[in-house]
Amino acid sequence: MLPAKNRLKSRQEIQKALKKGAFFSFEEVSCKVFPNKYNFSRFAFLVGVKNSGGAVKRNWIKRRMKAVVLDSLKKISPGYDVVFFYSFSILDPKKINSEKNKEGKNGKIQEKMLRLLRISKLI
């Protein structure tokens, strides 16, 4: 579980990062990055309801995204608020089933998240 100090908790904090943050994207995973005044980074994870196919799949994706951040927490640059998004493909809303079955526990989500963290220069 992600430590409490590394979570964006309030709606206002998330809205601020969404409005003023820099946008980065790689395939289905995107993020908004906004500098904060702390010496640690904080994270929030959003998965769209429209094409997700239900709460089970949405929560499965959020848990995988959180696991990647938790594993990489020591490498991530401090001092940022980061909001991650996972967007399903409009053509294939059930793509998550193939994500679940590939390459172990985190599948392709881990690769995409790590690539996105490098693109945004957080790692």
N, C-alpha and C. Protein backbone atom coordinates (compact mmCIF):
# COMPACT_ATOMS: atom_id res chain seq x y z
N MET A 1 0.84 -1.18 0.00
CA MET A 1 0.00 0.00 0.00
C MET A 1 0.89 1.25 0.00
N LEU A 2 0.49 2.20 -0.76
CA LEU A 2 1.22 3.46 -0.85
C LEU A 2 1.13 4.21 0.48
N PRO A 3 2.26 4.68 1.04
CA PRO A 3 2.21 5.40 2.31
C PRO A 3 1.29 6.62 2.24
N ALA A 4 0.66 6.94 3.36
CA ALA A 4 -0.31 8.04 3.41
C ALA A 4 0.30 9.36 2.98
N LYS A 5 1.56 9.61 3.32
CA LYS A 5 2.16 10.90 2.95
C LYS A 5 2.35 11.02 1.43
N ASN A 6 2.35 9.90 0.72
CA ASN A 6 2.55 9.90 -0.73
C ASN A 6 1.25 9.86 -1.51
N ARG A 7 0.13 10.11 -0.84
CA ARG A 7 -1.16 10.10 -1.53
C ARG A 7 -1.73 11.51 -1.60
N LEU A 8 -2.28 11.85 -2.75
CA LEU A 8 -3.06 13.09 -2.87
C LEU A 8 -4.45 12.76 -2.34
N LYS A 9 -4.86 13.43 -1.27
CA LYS A 9 -6.09 13.04 -0.60
C LYS A 9 -7.28 13.93 -0.93
N SER A 10 -7.08 15.21 -0.88
CA SER A 10 -8.23 16.10 -1.03
C SER A 10 -8.53 16.40 -2.51
N ARG A 11 -9.78 16.67 -2.73
CA ARG A 11 -10.24 17.00 -4.08
C ARG A 11 -9.54 18.27 -4.59
N GLN A 12 -9.29 19.23 -3.68
CA GLN A 12 -8.65 20.48 -4.06
C GLN A 12 -7.22 20.25 -4.55
N GLU A 13 -6.49 19.37 -3.88
CA GLU A 13 -5.11 19.07 -4.29
C GLU A 13 -5.09 18.42 -5.67
N ILE A 14 -6.01 17.49 -5.89
CA ILE A 14 -6.08 16.81 -7.19
C ILE A 14 -6.48 17.80 -8.28
N GLN A 15 -7.47 18.66 -8.00
CA GLN A 15 -7.91 19.65 -8.98
C GLN A 15 -6.78 20.62 -9.35
N LYS A 16 -6.01 21.00 -8.36
CA LYS A 16 -4.89 21.92 -8.61
C LYS A 16 -3.87 21.28 -9.54
N ALA A 17 -3.54 20.01 -9.28
CA ALA A 17 -2.59 19.30 -10.15
C ALA A 17 -3.17 19.13 -11.55
N LEU A 18 -4.47 18.88 -11.65
CA LEU A 18 -5.10 18.70 -12.96
C LEU A 18 -5.12 20.00 -13.76
N LYS A 19 -5.40 21.11 -13.09
CA LYS A 19 -5.49 22.39 -13.79
C LYS A 19 -4.13 22.95 -14.20
N LYS A 20 -3.16 22.88 -13.28
CA LYS A 20 -1.90 23.56 -13.51
C LYS A 20 -0.74 22.65 -13.89
N GLY A 21 -0.95 21.34 -13.87
CA GLY A 21 0.14 20.40 -14.11
C GLY A 21 0.50 20.26 -15.58
N ALA A 22 1.72 19.81 -15.80
CA ALA A 22 2.20 19.50 -17.16
C ALA A 22 1.69 18.11 -17.55
N PHE A 23 1.24 17.97 -18.79
CA PHE A 23 0.63 16.72 -19.25
C PHE A 23 1.66 15.87 -19.98
N PHE A 24 1.68 14.57 -19.65
CA PHE A 24 2.53 13.59 -20.33
C PHE A 24 1.69 12.35 -20.61
N SER A 25 1.98 11.67 -21.73
CA SER A 25 1.17 10.52 -22.10
C SER A 25 2.02 9.47 -22.80
N PHE A 26 1.67 8.21 -22.58
CA PHE A 26 2.26 7.08 -23.31
C PHE A 26 1.20 6.01 -23.42
N GLU A 27 0.76 5.77 -24.64
CA GLU A 27 -0.30 4.82 -24.95
C GLU A 27 -1.53 5.10 -24.08
N GLU A 28 -2.01 4.13 -23.29
CA GLU A 28 -3.23 4.34 -22.50
C GLU A 28 -2.99 5.08 -21.19
N VAL A 29 -1.73 5.24 -20.80
CA VAL A 29 -1.42 5.85 -19.51
C VAL A 29 -0.99 7.30 -19.71
N SER A 30 -1.57 8.19 -18.90
CA SER A 30 -1.23 9.62 -18.96
C SER A 30 -1.05 10.12 -17.54
N CYS A 31 -0.42 11.29 -17.42
CA CYS A 31 -0.29 11.89 -16.10
C CYS A 31 -0.19 13.40 -16.20
N LYS A 32 -0.52 14.04 -15.11
CA LYS A 32 -0.33 15.48 -14.92
C LYS A 32 0.64 15.63 -13.77
N VAL A 33 1.68 16.43 -13.96
CA VAL A 33 2.73 16.60 -12.96
C VAL A 33 2.79 18.08 -12.57
N PHE A 34 2.71 18.33 -11.26
CA PHE A 34 2.73 19.69 -10.75
C PHE A 34 3.67 19.75 -9.55
N PRO A 35 4.60 20.71 -9.52
CA PRO A 35 5.52 20.80 -8.37
C PRO A 35 4.77 21.13 -7.07
N ASN A 36 5.22 20.52 -5.98
CA ASN A 36 4.65 20.85 -4.67
C ASN A 36 5.73 21.39 -3.75
N LYS A 37 5.35 21.78 -2.54
CA LYS A 37 6.30 22.41 -1.61
C LYS A 37 6.93 21.42 -0.65
N TYR A 38 6.69 20.13 -0.85
CA TYR A 38 7.19 19.11 0.07
C TYR A 38 8.45 18.45 -0.49
N ASN A 39 9.15 17.72 0.37
CA ASN A 39 10.35 17.01 -0.09
C ASN A 39 10.03 15.55 -0.42
N PHE A 40 8.80 15.29 -0.77
CA PHE A 40 8.36 13.97 -1.24
C PHE A 40 7.27 14.19 -2.29
N SER A 41 7.07 13.20 -3.14
CA SER A 41 6.04 13.30 -4.18
C SER A 41 4.77 12.62 -3.70
N ARG A 42 3.63 13.12 -4.22
CA ARG A 42 2.32 12.57 -3.87
C ARG A 42 1.60 12.16 -5.15
N PHE A 43 0.75 11.14 -5.06
CA PHE A 43 0.15 10.54 -6.25
C PHE A 43 -1.34 10.32 -6.07
N ALA A 44 -2.06 10.38 -7.21
CA ALA A 44 -3.46 10.00 -7.28
C ALA A 44 -3.63 9.20 -8.56
N PHE A 45 -4.63 8.30 -8.58
CA PHE A 45 -4.84 7.41 -9.71
C PHE A 45 -6.29 7.46 -10.14
N LEU A 46 -6.52 7.77 -11.41
CA LEU A 46 -7.88 7.89 -11.95
C LEU A 46 -8.05 6.93 -13.12
N VAL A 47 -9.18 6.23 -13.12
CA VAL A 47 -9.51 5.34 -14.23
C VAL A 47 -10.94 5.67 -14.65
N GLY A 48 -11.14 5.91 -15.94
CA GLY A 48 -12.45 6.31 -16.44
C GLY A 48 -13.51 5.25 -16.26
N VAL A 49 -14.74 5.69 -16.03
CA VAL A 49 -15.86 4.79 -15.80
C VAL A 49 -16.48 4.34 -17.12
N LYS A 50 -16.47 5.20 -18.12
CA LYS A 50 -17.21 4.95 -19.35
C LYS A 50 -16.91 3.61 -20.01
N ASN A 51 -15.66 3.33 -20.29
CA ASN A 51 -15.30 2.12 -21.02
C ASN A 51 -14.60 1.07 -20.17
N SER A 52 -14.60 1.24 -18.86
CA SER A 52 -13.83 0.32 -18.03
C SER A 52 -14.48 -1.04 -17.86
N GLY A 53 -15.77 -1.13 -17.98
CA GLY A 53 -16.43 -2.42 -17.86
C GLY A 53 -16.76 -2.80 -16.42
N GLY A 54 -16.67 -1.89 -15.49
CA GLY A 54 -17.07 -2.18 -14.12
C GLY A 54 -16.01 -1.85 -13.10
N ALA A 55 -16.45 -1.86 -11.84
CA ALA A 55 -15.58 -1.48 -10.74
C ALA A 55 -14.43 -2.46 -10.53
N VAL A 56 -14.65 -3.72 -10.78
CA VAL A 56 -13.60 -4.72 -10.58
C VAL A 56 -12.40 -4.42 -11.47
N LYS A 57 -12.65 -4.16 -12.74
CA LYS A 57 -11.55 -3.85 -13.67
C LYS A 57 -10.90 -2.52 -13.33
N ARG A 58 -11.70 -1.51 -12.98
CA ARG A 58 -11.15 -0.21 -12.60
C ARG A 58 -10.22 -0.33 -11.40
N ASN A 59 -10.67 -1.04 -10.39
CA ASN A 59 -9.86 -1.20 -9.18
C ASN A 59 -8.63 -2.05 -9.44
N TRP A 60 -8.75 -3.05 -10.31
CA TRP A 60 -7.60 -3.88 -10.68
C TRP A 60 -6.51 -3.00 -11.30
N ILE A 61 -6.90 -2.11 -12.20
CA ILE A 61 -5.93 -1.22 -12.85
C ILE A 61 -5.31 -0.27 -11.83
N LYS A 62 -6.12 0.31 -10.96
CA LYS A 62 -5.59 1.22 -9.94
C LYS A 62 -4.59 0.51 -9.04
N ARG A 63 -4.88 -0.72 -8.64
CA ARG A 63 -3.94 -1.46 -7.79
C ARG A 63 -2.63 -1.71 -8.51
N ARG A 64 -2.69 -2.03 -9.79
CA ARG A 64 -1.46 -2.27 -10.56
C ARG A 64 -0.65 -0.98 -10.71
N MET A 65 -1.33 0.12 -10.95
CA MET A 65 -0.63 1.40 -11.08
C MET A 65 0.03 1.79 -9.75
N LYS A 66 -0.69 1.60 -8.65
CA LYS A 66 -0.13 1.91 -7.34
C LYS A 66 1.07 1.03 -7.03
N ALA A 67 1.02 -0.24 -7.44
CA ALA A 67 2.13 -1.17 -7.19
C ALA A 67 3.39 -0.71 -7.92
N VAL A 68 3.22 -0.23 -9.15
CA VAL A 68 4.37 0.25 -9.91
C VAL A 68 4.99 1.46 -9.23
N VAL A 69 4.16 2.40 -8.80
CA VAL A 69 4.66 3.60 -8.11
C VAL A 69 5.34 3.21 -6.80
N LEU A 70 4.75 2.30 -6.05
CA LEU A 70 5.33 1.87 -4.79
C LEU A 70 6.70 1.23 -5.00
N ASP A 71 6.83 0.38 -6.03
CA ASP A 71 8.11 -0.25 -6.34
C ASP A 71 9.16 0.77 -6.77
N SER A 72 8.73 1.86 -7.38
CA SER A 72 9.66 2.86 -7.92
C SER A 72 9.79 4.09 -7.04
N LEU A 73 9.17 4.09 -5.87
CA LEU A 73 9.08 5.28 -5.03
C LEU A 73 10.44 5.88 -4.69
N LYS A 74 11.43 5.05 -4.44
CA LYS A 74 12.76 5.56 -4.06
C LYS A 74 13.47 6.21 -5.25
N LYS A 75 13.10 5.81 -6.46
CA LYS A 75 13.74 6.38 -7.66
C LYS A 75 13.06 7.65 -8.15
N ILE A 76 11.81 7.86 -7.74
CA ILE A 76 11.02 8.99 -8.24
C ILE A 76 11.50 10.29 -7.59
N SER A 77 11.66 11.33 -8.39
CA SER A 77 12.09 12.64 -7.90
C SER A 77 11.10 13.19 -6.88
N PRO A 78 11.59 13.74 -5.78
CA PRO A 78 10.69 14.31 -4.77
C PRO A 78 10.19 15.69 -5.19
N GLY A 79 9.08 16.10 -4.58
CA GLY A 79 8.58 17.46 -4.77
C GLY A 79 7.56 17.63 -5.87
N TYR A 80 6.79 16.57 -6.20
CA TYR A 80 5.79 16.67 -7.25
C TYR A 80 4.47 16.06 -6.81
N ASP A 81 3.38 16.65 -7.31
CA ASP A 81 2.05 16.04 -7.22
C ASP A 81 1.78 15.44 -8.59
N VAL A 82 1.45 14.16 -8.63
CA VAL A 82 1.26 13.46 -9.89
C VAL A 82 -0.10 12.78 -9.90
N VAL A 83 -0.88 13.03 -10.95
CA VAL A 83 -2.16 12.36 -11.12
C VAL A 83 -2.05 11.49 -12.36
N PHE A 84 -2.21 10.17 -12.18
CA PHE A 84 -2.15 9.22 -13.29
C PHE A 84 -3.55 8.90 -13.79
N PHE A 85 -3.67 8.74 -15.11
CA PHE A 85 -4.93 8.36 -15.76
C PHE A 85 -4.70 7.09 -16.56
N TYR A 86 -5.70 6.26 -16.62
CA TYR A 86 -5.67 5.11 -17.54
C TYR A 86 -6.89 5.23 -18.42
N SER A 87 -6.69 5.34 -19.73
CA SER A 87 -7.79 5.49 -20.68
C SER A 87 -7.89 4.24 -21.54
N PHE A 88 -9.06 3.69 -21.61
CA PHE A 88 -9.26 2.52 -22.44
C PHE A 88 -9.35 2.93 -23.90
N SER A 89 -8.93 2.05 -24.76
CA SER A 89 -9.04 2.28 -26.19
C SER A 89 -10.52 2.31 -26.57
N ILE A 90 -10.90 3.28 -27.39
CA ILE A 90 -12.29 3.38 -27.83
C ILE A 90 -12.65 2.18 -28.69
N LEU A 91 -11.69 1.67 -29.45
CA LEU A 91 -11.96 0.54 -30.33
C LEU A 91 -12.04 -0.78 -29.57
N ASP A 92 -11.33 -0.89 -28.46
CA ASP A 92 -11.28 -2.14 -27.72
C ASP A 92 -11.41 -1.90 -26.21
N PRO A 93 -12.62 -1.66 -25.71
CA PRO A 93 -12.79 -1.36 -24.29
C PRO A 93 -12.46 -2.53 -23.36
N LYS A 94 -12.36 -3.74 -23.88
CA LYS A 94 -12.06 -4.90 -23.05
C LYS A 94 -10.59 -5.28 -23.11
N LYS A 95 -9.77 -4.33 -23.48
CA LYS A 95 -8.33 -4.58 -23.61
C LYS A 95 -7.71 -5.02 -22.29
N ILE A 96 -8.33 -4.67 -21.19
CA ILE A 96 -7.77 -5.00 -19.89
C ILE A 96 -7.66 -6.51 -19.71
N ASN A 97 -8.54 -7.30 -20.32
CA ASN A 97 -8.44 -8.75 -20.19
C ASN A 97 -7.13 -9.27 -20.74
N SER A 98 -6.66 -8.70 -21.84
CA SER A 98 -5.37 -9.11 -22.38
C SER A 98 -4.23 -8.60 -21.51
N GLU A 99 -4.42 -7.43 -20.87
CA GLU A 99 -3.41 -6.88 -19.97
C GLU A 99 -3.24 -7.81 -18.76
N LYS A 100 -4.34 -8.36 -18.25
CA LYS A 100 -4.29 -9.20 -17.05
C LYS A 100 -3.48 -10.46 -17.29
N ASN A 101 -3.60 -11.01 -18.48
CA ASN A 101 -3.01 -12.32 -18.73
C ASN A 101 -1.57 -12.28 -19.20
N LYS A 102 -1.03 -11.12 -19.50
CA LYS A 102 0.32 -11.03 -20.04
C LYS A 102 1.34 -10.72 -18.96
N GLU A 103 2.43 -11.40 -19.00
CA GLU A 103 3.63 -11.09 -18.24
C GLU A 103 3.41 -10.92 -16.75
N GLY A 104 2.78 -11.88 -16.13
CA GLY A 104 2.72 -11.91 -14.68
C GLY A 104 1.77 -10.93 -14.05
N LYS A 105 2.11 -10.54 -12.84
CA LYS A 105 1.22 -9.78 -11.98
C LYS A 105 0.82 -8.43 -12.56
N ASN A 106 1.77 -7.64 -12.99
CA ASN A 106 1.45 -6.29 -13.45
C ASN A 106 1.33 -6.18 -14.97
N GLY A 107 1.78 -7.16 -15.71
CA GLY A 107 1.62 -7.16 -17.16
C GLY A 107 2.22 -5.95 -17.82
N LYS A 108 1.57 -5.50 -18.86
CA LYS A 108 2.06 -4.36 -19.65
C LYS A 108 1.88 -3.03 -18.93
N ILE A 109 0.99 -2.98 -17.95
CA ILE A 109 0.77 -1.73 -17.23
C ILE A 109 2.07 -1.25 -16.60
N GLN A 110 2.85 -2.17 -16.06
CA GLN A 110 4.12 -1.80 -15.43
C GLN A 110 5.06 -1.17 -16.45
N GLU A 111 5.18 -1.78 -17.61
CA GLU A 111 6.06 -1.23 -18.66
C GLU A 111 5.61 0.17 -19.07
N LYS A 112 4.31 0.34 -19.24
CA LYS A 112 3.78 1.63 -19.68
C LYS A 112 3.97 2.70 -18.61
N MET A 113 3.75 2.33 -17.36
CA MET A 113 3.93 3.30 -16.27
C MET A 113 5.40 3.72 -16.14
N LEU A 114 6.31 2.76 -16.19
CA LEU A 114 7.73 3.08 -16.09
C LEU A 114 8.18 3.96 -17.25
N ARG A 115 7.69 3.66 -18.43
CA ARG A 115 8.01 4.49 -19.60
C ARG A 115 7.49 5.92 -19.41
N LEU A 116 6.28 6.03 -18.90
CA LEU A 116 5.68 7.35 -18.66
C LEU A 116 6.47 8.12 -17.60
N LEU A 117 6.91 7.44 -16.55
CA LEU A 117 7.72 8.10 -15.52
C LEU A 117 9.02 8.61 -16.10
N ARG A 118 9.61 7.87 -17.04
CA ARG A 118 10.84 8.34 -17.68
C ARG A 118 10.57 9.53 -18.61
N ILE A 119 9.47 9.45 -19.35
CA ILE A 119 9.11 10.55 -20.26
C ILE A 119 8.89 11.84 -19.48
N SER A 120 8.25 11.74 -18.33
CA SER A 120 7.96 12.93 -17.52
C SER A 120 9.14 13.34 -16.66
N LYS A 121 10.24 12.60 -16.77
CA LYS A 121 11.50 12.88 -16.06
C LYS A 121 11.36 12.83 -14.54
N LEU A 122 10.45 11.97 -14.08
CA LEU A 122 10.31 11.72 -12.66
C LEU A 122 11.29 10.64 -12.19
N ILE A 123 11.77 9.84 -13.12
CA ILE A 123 12.80 8.84 -12.81
C ILE A 123 14.05 9.21 -13.56
